[in-house]
Protein backbone atom coordinates (compact mmCIF):
# COMPACT_ATOMS: atom_id res chain seq x y z
CA MET A 1 -17.22 9.17 -15.30
CA VAL A 2 -18.35 11.30 -12.27
CA LEU A 3 -19.87 10.80 -9.46
CA LYS A 4 -21.62 13.39 -7.41
CA ILE A 5 -21.02 12.95 -3.71
CA LYS A 6 -22.86 15.50 -1.89
CA ASP A 7 -24.05 19.19 -3.73
CA ASN A 8 -22.17 20.55 -5.24
CA ILE A 9 -18.80 18.15 -4.44
CA TYR A 10 -17.89 15.76 -7.79
CA CYS A 11 -15.41 12.77 -7.79
CA MET A 12 -13.87 12.49 -11.77
CA SER A 13 -12.30 9.45 -11.85
CA PHE A 14 -10.47 7.80 -14.69
CA ILE A 15 -10.11 4.23 -15.18
CA GLU A 16 -7.36 2.11 -16.22
CA TRP A 17 -8.99 -0.66 -17.65
CA LYS A 18 -5.79 -2.64 -18.49
CA ILE A 19 -2.81 -1.82 -16.79
CA ARG A 20 -1.07 -4.89 -15.08
CA GLU A 21 2.06 -2.85 -13.10
CA TYR A 22 2.72 0.34 -11.63
CA LYS A 23 6.01 1.45 -9.66
CA GLY A 24 7.28 -2.18 -10.03
CA LEU A 25 4.05 -3.68 -8.19
CA ASP A 26 1.47 -6.79 -10.31
CA ILE A 27 -1.79 -5.01 -10.68
CA ASN A 28 -4.05 -7.46 -12.67
CA LYS A 29 -7.11 -5.45 -11.36
CA GLY A 30 -6.38 -2.29 -13.20
CA THR A 31 -6.25 0.82 -11.44
CA THR A 32 -8.25 4.26 -11.16
CA TYR A 33 -7.07 7.76 -10.01
CA ASN A 34 -9.62 10.18 -8.61
CA SER A 35 -9.83 13.51 -8.93
CA TYR A 36 -11.94 16.01 -6.86
CA LEU A 37 -14.03 18.91 -7.06
CA ILE A 38 -15.79 21.00 -4.85
CA LEU A 39 -18.24 24.37 -6.58
CA ASP A 40 -17.80 27.02 -3.32
CA LYS A 41 -17.58 30.88 -3.90
CA ASN A 42 -14.49 29.60 -4.51
CA ASN A 43 -14.09 26.43 -6.71
CA VAL A 44 -11.52 23.73 -5.63
CA LEU A 45 -9.73 20.91 -7.57
CA ILE A 46 -8.05 18.20 -5.21
CA ASP A 47 -5.52 16.70 -7.34
CA THR A 48 -5.43 16.61 -11.18
CA THR A 49 -4.68 13.24 -12.95
CA ARG A 50 -2.83 11.39 -15.31
CA MET A 51 -1.93 13.38 -19.17
CA LYS A 52 -3.83 10.74 -20.74
CA TYR A 53 -6.48 11.35 -19.04
CA PHE A 54 -6.54 15.41 -19.68
CA ASP A 55 -9.30 15.81 -22.77
CA GLU A 56 -11.81 13.83 -20.44
CA LEU A 57 -10.75 16.09 -17.13
CA LEU A 58 -10.96 19.67 -19.51
CA LEU A 59 -14.79 18.28 -20.48
CA TYR A 60 -15.77 17.83 -16.96
CA LEU A 61 -14.09 20.59 -15.89
CA LYS A 62 -16.08 22.71 -18.50
CA ASP A 63 -19.42 20.35 -17.99
CA ILE A 64 -19.54 20.97 -13.98
CA ALA A 65 -17.68 24.18 -13.58
CA ASN A 66 -17.49 26.09 -16.86
CA LEU A 67 -14.20 26.42 -16.05
CA LYS A 68 -13.69 28.06 -13.31
CA LEU A 69 -10.83 27.06 -10.74
CA ASP A 70 -9.50 29.27 -7.57
CA TYR A 71 -7.73 26.42 -6.38
CA ILE A 72 -5.81 22.99 -7.20
CA ILE A 73 -4.75 21.10 -4.02
CA SER A 74 -1.91 19.40 -4.90
CA ASN A 75 -2.18 16.44 -1.88
CA HIS A 76 1.21 14.53 -3.10
CA ILE A 77 3.78 15.11 -5.06
CA SER A 78 3.49 12.08 -7.25
CA LEU A 79 2.86 12.49 -11.26
CA ASP A 80 -0.54 10.62 -11.46
CA HIS A 81 -2.17 13.12 -9.71
CA ASN A 82 -0.10 16.01 -10.90
CA GLU A 83 0.46 15.05 -14.61
CA CYS A 84 -2.02 17.59 -15.83
CA ILE A 85 -1.56 20.21 -13.43
CA GLY A 86 0.71 22.57 -14.76
CA LYS A 87 -1.53 23.12 -18.42
CA LEU A 88 -5.00 23.57 -15.69
CA VAL A 89 -2.78 26.67 -13.80
CA GLU A 90 -2.26 27.97 -17.41
CA LEU A 91 -5.81 27.95 -18.39
CA THR A 92 -7.41 28.78 -15.00
CA GLY A 93 -4.91 30.87 -13.79
CA ALA A 94 -6.11 28.72 -9.95
CA LYS A 95 -3.89 29.00 -6.82
CA VAL A 96 -2.21 25.70 -5.95
CA ILE A 97 -1.95 24.73 -2.39
CA THR A 98 0.36 22.52 -0.92
CA THR A 99 2.55 22.29 1.53
CA LYS A 100 6.87 23.36 1.73
CA ILE A 101 7.81 19.75 0.43
CA GLY A 102 5.12 19.63 -2.02
CA LYS A 103 6.58 23.16 -3.59
CA TYR A 104 9.77 21.78 -3.45
CA TYR A 105 8.77 18.97 -5.64
CA LEU A 106 6.72 20.71 -7.76
CA ASP A 107 9.38 23.13 -8.50
CA ALA A 108 11.34 20.45 -9.56
CA GLN A 109 8.87 18.87 -11.87
CA PHE A 110 7.71 21.44 -13.70
CA ASP A 111 8.26 25.35 -14.40
CA THR A 112 6.70 27.28 -11.64
CA LYS A 113 8.12 30.96 -12.06
CA ASP A 114 4.13 32.03 -12.85
CA TRP A 115 2.33 30.18 -10.73
CA GLU A 116 1.31 31.29 -6.89
CA PHE A 117 1.44 29.10 -4.09
CA VAL A 118 -0.63 28.81 -1.06
CA ILE A 119 1.93 27.37 1.68
CA VAL A 120 -0.26 24.89 4.35
CA ASN A 121 1.31 23.33 7.16
CA ASN A 122 -0.89 20.75 9.73
CA GLY A 123 -3.98 22.14 11.11
CA ASP A 124 -4.47 25.39 8.68
CA GLU A 125 -8.02 25.65 7.42
CA ILE A 126 -8.81 28.17 4.09
CA ASN A 127 -12.54 29.43 3.74
CA ILE A 128 -13.50 28.69 0.69
CA GLY A 129 -17.02 30.51 0.27
CA ASN A 130 -19.63 28.40 2.73
CA ARG A 131 -16.98 25.35 3.49
CA THR A 132 -13.74 25.49 5.22
CA LEU A 133 -11.01 23.21 3.93
CA LYS A 134 -8.50 21.86 6.68
CA PHE A 135 -5.57 20.39 6.13
CA ILE A 136 -3.15 17.04 7.68
CA THR A 137 -0.45 16.04 7.60
CA ASP A 138 2.95 14.83 8.91
CA ASP A 139 6.47 16.86 8.11
CA LYS A 140 8.02 13.23 7.40
CA PHE A 141 4.77 12.57 5.14
CA GLY A 142 5.12 13.93 1.87
CA HIS A 143 0.62 14.04 1.48
CA VAL A 144 -1.81 16.45 2.78
CA LEU A 145 -5.31 15.20 3.76
CA THR A 146 -7.75 17.92 3.29
CA TYR A 147 -10.98 17.52 5.24
CA CYS A 148 -14.04 19.79 4.33
CA ILE A 149 -15.31 20.47 7.72
CA GLU A 150 -18.94 21.60 7.37
CA ASP A 151 -19.63 17.86 4.45
CA GLU A 152 -17.23 16.23 7.01
CA ILE A 153 -15.68 14.44 3.52
CA LEU A 154 -11.70 13.61 3.92
CA PHE A 155 -9.57 13.88 0.87
CA SER A 156 -7.58 10.72 1.91
CA ASN A 157 -5.22 10.85 -1.21
CA GLU A 158 -3.07 7.89 -1.78
CA LEU A 159 -4.81 6.36 2.37
CA PHE A 160 -7.14 4.78 1.85
CA GLY A 161 -6.67 3.93 -1.57
CA GLN A 162 -6.30 0.45 -3.25
CA HIS A 163 -5.86 -0.30 -6.84
CA VAL A 164 -9.02 -1.34 -8.21
CA ALA A 165 -11.05 -0.71 -11.43
CA TYR A 166 -14.46 -0.46 -10.52
CA LYS A 167 -17.24 1.27 -11.99
CA GLU A 168 -18.85 0.79 -9.19
CA LYS A 169 -17.46 3.84 -6.42
CA ILE A 170 -19.11 3.20 -3.17
CA ASP A 171 -18.00 0.27 -0.33
CA ALA A 172 -20.54 -1.79 0.15
CA ASP A 173 -21.07 -1.36 -3.75
CA ILE A 174 -18.17 -3.59 -3.71
CA GLY A 175 -18.50 -5.65 -0.41
CA HIS A 176 -15.50 -6.85 2.16
CA LYS A 177 -13.15 -7.76 -0.15
CA ILE A 178 -12.33 -4.12 -0.69
CA ILE A 179 -10.90 -4.41 2.78
CA LEU A 180 -8.46 -6.75 1.53
CA GLU A 181 -7.55 -4.35 -1.58
CA ALA A 182 -6.89 -1.47 0.64
CA LYS A 183 -4.88 -4.07 2.83
CA GLU A 184 -2.15 -4.96 -0.52
CA TYR A 185 -1.78 -1.26 -1.17
CA PHE A 186 -1.28 -0.55 2.10
CA ALA A 187 1.74 -3.60 2.93
CA ASN A 188 3.19 -2.20 -0.75
CA ILE A 189 2.85 1.61 -0.88
CA LEU A 190 1.82 3.09 2.54
CA LEU A 191 3.93 0.65 5.16
CA PRO A 192 7.01 2.43 5.04
CA HIS A 193 5.71 5.78 6.28
CA LYS A 194 3.65 3.74 9.11
CA ASN A 195 5.20 6.00 12.28
CA SER A 196 3.43 9.14 9.87
CA ILE A 197 0.47 7.09 9.24
CA LEU A 198 -0.42 6.42 12.97
CA LYS A 199 0.20 9.79 13.83
CA ILE A 200 -2.56 11.37 10.86
CA LEU A 201 -4.94 8.50 12.24
CA SER A 202 -4.67 9.97 15.84
CA ILE A 203 -5.47 13.34 14.28
CA LEU A 204 -8.59 11.38 12.76
CA LYS A 205 -9.49 9.77 15.52
CA ASP A 206 -11.31 13.59 16.77
CA LEU A 207 -13.38 13.92 12.88
CA ASN A 208 -16.67 12.61 11.59
CA LEU A 209 -16.51 10.93 8.86
CA GLU A 210 -19.09 11.10 6.17
CA TYR A 211 -16.96 10.04 3.12
CA ILE A 212 -13.01 9.18 3.08
CA CYS A 213 -12.44 9.47 -0.93
CA PRO A 214 -9.17 8.73 -1.70
CA SER A 215 -6.74 9.44 -4.98
CA HIS A 216 -7.15 5.85 -6.03
CA GLY A 217 -9.61 3.45 -5.83
CA VAL A 218 -13.55 3.08 -4.40
CA ILE A 219 -15.34 6.10 -1.54
CA TRP A 220 -15.54 4.88 2.03
CA ARG A 221 -18.90 5.36 3.35
CA LYS A 222 -19.91 2.56 5.09
CA MET A 223 -17.02 0.59 6.54
CA ILE A 224 -14.57 3.98 7.47
CA ASP A 225 -14.97 2.78 11.22
CA GLU A 226 -13.91 -0.63 9.56
CA ILE A 227 -10.97 0.73 7.46
CA LEU A 228 -9.86 3.34 10.01
CA THR A 229 -9.73 0.63 12.97
CA LYS A 230 -7.61 -1.86 10.20
CA TYR A 231 -5.11 1.34 9.68
CA ARG A 232 -4.40 1.20 13.59
CA ILE A 233 -3.51 -2.86 13.33
CA TRP A 234 -1.50 -2.67 9.97
CA SER A 235 0.51 0.55 11.67
CA SER A 236 0.94 -1.01 14.77
CA GLY A 237 3.15 -3.95 13.55
CA PHE A 238 -0.30 -6.62 15.26
CA HIS A 239 0.64 -9.71 14.35
CA LYS A 240 -2.06 -12.79 13.38
CA ASN A 241 -1.13 -17.16 14.29
CA THR A 242 -0.50 -17.51 10.99
CA ALA A 243 2.42 -18.16 9.34
CA VAL A 244 3.42 -16.99 5.39
CA ILE A 245 5.36 -19.84 4.04
CA VAL A 246 7.35 -18.55 0.44
CA TYR A 247 9.38 -20.42 -1.39
CA ALA A 248 11.62 -20.74 -4.64
CA THR A 249 12.49 -24.33 -5.61
CA ILE A 250 13.66 -25.77 -8.55
CA HIS A 251 13.32 -29.94 -8.27
CA TYR A 252 10.92 -29.70 -5.47
CA SER A 253 13.10 -30.56 -3.03
CA THR A 254 12.61 -27.35 -1.38
CA GLU A 255 8.55 -27.65 -1.88
CA LYS A 256 8.85 -30.02 -0.55
CA ILE A 257 10.38 -29.02 3.06
CA ALA A 258 7.96 -25.83 2.53
CA ARG A 259 4.93 -28.13 2.87
CA ALA A 260 6.60 -30.42 6.24
CA LEU A 261 6.57 -27.31 7.99
CA GLY A 262 3.28 -25.73 6.98
CA GLU A 263 1.85 -29.35 8.11
CA GLY A 264 3.51 -29.29 11.29
CA LEU A 265 2.71 -25.40 11.87
CA ALA A 266 -1.14 -26.26 11.31
CA ASP A 267 -0.79 -29.58 13.19
CA GLY A 268 -0.32 -26.89 16.16
CA GLY A 269 -3.05 -24.23 15.29
CA VAL A 270 -1.02 -21.54 13.40
CA ASN A 271 -2.98 -20.29 10.20
CA VAL A 272 -0.27 -21.29 7.47
CA ILE A 273 0.02 -19.87 3.37
CA TYR A 274 2.42 -20.84 0.86
CA HIS A 275 3.56 -18.72 -1.61
CA ARG A 276 5.56 -20.09 -4.68
CA LEU A 277 8.26 -17.34 -6.06
CA GLY A 278 6.78 -17.82 -10.04
CA THR A 279 3.49 -18.45 -9.22
CA SER A 280 2.70 -15.81 -6.96
CA SER A 281 3.49 -11.73 -6.90
CA LEU A 282 5.36 -9.97 -4.61
CA ASN A 283 2.69 -7.43 -3.30
CA ILE A 284 -0.01 -10.64 -2.74
CA ILE A 285 2.84 -11.88 -1.14
CA ILE A 286 3.42 -8.98 1.22
CA ARG A 287 -0.02 -8.00 2.02
CA ASP A 288 -0.42 -11.64 3.62
CA ILE A 289 3.37 -11.53 5.53
CA LEU A 290 2.35 -8.14 7.08
CA ASP A 291 0.58 -8.65 9.70
CA ALA A 292 1.84 -12.70 9.97
CA LYS A 293 3.66 -13.89 12.91
CA TYR A 294 5.31 -16.08 11.48
CA VAL A 295 7.78 -15.42 8.28
CA LEU A 296 9.23 -18.75 6.61
CA ILE A 297 11.36 -17.96 3.55
CA GLY A 298 13.22 -21.11 1.08
CA SER A 299 15.56 -21.17 -1.49
CA PRO A 300 17.43 -24.20 -3.87
CA THR A 301 21.53 -22.75 -3.00
CA ILE A 302 22.68 -21.05 -6.52
CA ASN A 303 26.03 -20.80 -7.26
CA MET A 304 26.85 -20.18 -3.58
CA ASN A 305 23.62 -17.88 -3.52
CA VAL A 306 20.42 -17.66 -2.80
CA HIS A 307 17.79 -18.63 -5.75
CA PRO A 308 17.59 -15.25 -7.94
CA LYS A 309 13.61 -15.11 -7.76
CA VAL A 310 14.48 -15.28 -3.27
CA GLY A 311 17.28 -12.27 -3.80
CA MET A 312 14.35 -10.19 -5.62
CA LEU A 313 11.92 -10.63 -2.53
CA LEU A 314 14.55 -10.20 0.21
CA THR A 315 16.08 -6.55 -1.57
CA TYR A 316 12.44 -6.19 -2.04
CA ILE A 317 11.08 -6.68 1.72
CA GLU A 318 14.16 -4.51 3.04
CA GLY A 319 12.76 -1.37 1.78
CA LEU A 320 9.01 -1.89 3.47
CA LYS A 321 10.19 -1.36 6.46
CA LEU A 322 8.19 -4.74 7.95
CA ASP A 323 8.06 -4.60 11.66
CA ASN A 324 9.80 -7.01 13.03
CA LYS A 325 8.15 -8.60 15.90
CA LYS A 326 7.98 -12.04 13.31
CA ILE A 327 9.66 -14.90 13.74
CA GLY A 328 11.84 -15.80 10.81
CA VAL A 329 12.50 -19.24 9.67
CA ALA A 330 14.85 -20.07 7.71
CA PHE A 331 15.06 -23.59 4.65
CA GLY A 332 16.19 -24.98 1.17
CA SER A 333 17.43 -27.44 -0.45
CA TYR A 334 21.40 -27.64 -1.86
CA GLY A 335 23.77 -29.82 -4.27
CA TRP A 336 27.50 -29.29 -3.31
CA LYS A 337 27.23 -26.59 -0.92
CA GLU A 338 24.41 -25.07 1.56
CA CYS A 339 24.97 -21.23 0.93
CA ALA A 340 21.31 -19.89 0.99
CA THR A 341 19.45 -20.20 4.60
CA LYS A 342 23.07 -18.84 5.72
CA LYS A 343 22.35 -15.87 4.07
CA ILE A 344 18.13 -15.64 4.56
CA ASN A 345 18.72 -16.05 8.40
CA GLU A 346 21.24 -13.08 8.65
CA PHE A 347 19.00 -11.38 6.50
CA PHE A 348 16.22 -11.67 8.94
CA LYS A 349 18.59 -10.67 12.30
CA LYS A 350 19.10 -6.96 9.96
CA LEU A 351 15.18 -7.07 9.66
CA GLY A 352 15.25 -7.59 14.16
CA PHE A 353 12.95 -10.83 13.61
CA LYS A 354 13.47 -13.52 15.93
CA VAL A 355 15.52 -16.27 13.93
CA VAL A 356 14.95 -19.83 14.42
CA ASP A 357 17.14 -22.45 12.86
CA ASP A 358 17.74 -26.06 12.62
CA GLU A 359 20.35 -28.03 10.78
CA ILE A 360 17.28 -30.06 10.09
CA LEU A 361 16.43 -27.31 7.24
CA ALA A 362 18.98 -27.23 4.49
CA PHE A 363 18.76 -31.04 2.83
CA ARG A 364 21.45 -32.34 0.36
CA PHE A 365 19.32 -32.46 -2.47
CA THR A 366 15.34 -34.30 -1.37
CA PRO A 367 15.38 -34.73 2.03
CA ARG A 368 13.96 -38.46 2.83
CA GLU A 369 10.57 -39.52 4.43
CA ASP A 370 12.05 -39.40 8.14
CA ASN A 371 13.62 -36.42 7.13
CA ILE A 372 10.08 -35.11 6.28
CA LYS A 373 8.45 -36.39 9.99
CA LYS A 374 11.88 -34.55 11.80
CA ILE A 375 10.48 -31.45 9.47
CA LYS A 376 7.08 -31.43 10.34
CA GLU A 377 8.08 -32.21 14.07
CA PHE A 378 10.25 -28.50 14.22
CA GLY A 379 6.68 -27.30 12.99
CA ARG A 380 4.76 -28.11 15.15
CA LYS A 381 7.69 -27.23 18.24
CA LEU A 382 7.74 -23.79 15.91
CA ALA A 383 3.77 -22.93 16.72
CA LYS A 384 4.34 -22.38 20.48
CA ILE A 385 7.30 -19.69 19.85
CA GLU A 386 6.34 -16.96 21.22
CA VAL A 387 7.98 -13.58 19.39
């Protein structure tokens, strides 16, 4: 589908309705690949799309631009934004605008010996006729953002994106739930780059922004100030008075501990979110952990180790570089020997979390009613602890 954003500026969206996994993430709402076209003295295509949509993209380019392309901007080296670039360069002879690191990765993925590159750095500008494009990047970040000065449009690539498949293309048409989708995207994809993102946000605060156009999801227009504020919060490590309790359970003993901890925390005024592994997807769990003050992980001991689903969670969290201003609590049940909570606490310490431990949090077999009361009391005391 094609959306006219402004005179001579178009969004070409390729909606993948049925996709349910993307780079290991569960995405139950599908996804969208956005490519943008600017018509001027020099026509510019900003990002391409997946190869399976090449014929559709080509049809749009023929219809709107008579297949005249002077520049193709590669904002990001991932194939879902570049897979068609080789064919388009061959067909149109367009020059490729990217960063030094972007060229390095394009060289690794395509036969680029006949391509003409324009290498840009942060702050560089290129005039395309009636418009000037300004490029925003950070040396440690593999993305470049393109800002159209005259139209006040930011083509942000991964930043401010969401994995959703909607016919509606503007934020106001979706409503406030799109902020939650953007949070999930940030937490699972962009969080490891939070320091670079903070630097980029410091540049964006001085720009007039009428539209923010990401490579996935809907375009921001009405909620620009809100999504910029959210990104600053998510990147800075701010936490809410929320506890996320994540657990795996076999005979429901660990689940009983989880519920008792949650009730105690709630009595202490903490907002509590429960996630049972195998029921909740990892990306939703990470979305909720992102700005939570408390992270509680529970596991039964299996083969002198954590439950396999807990092991997967710990591995996934480790790569995301969560902010360490959090309180970590491990809990669980065991039969012959307790090992799970020790391993989880070691993991929390590795992340730099403040670990709060108590012998009441690990039980042989099933906690009794008097044990449940003690666990609830631990939760009430936990609610008063500061990071």
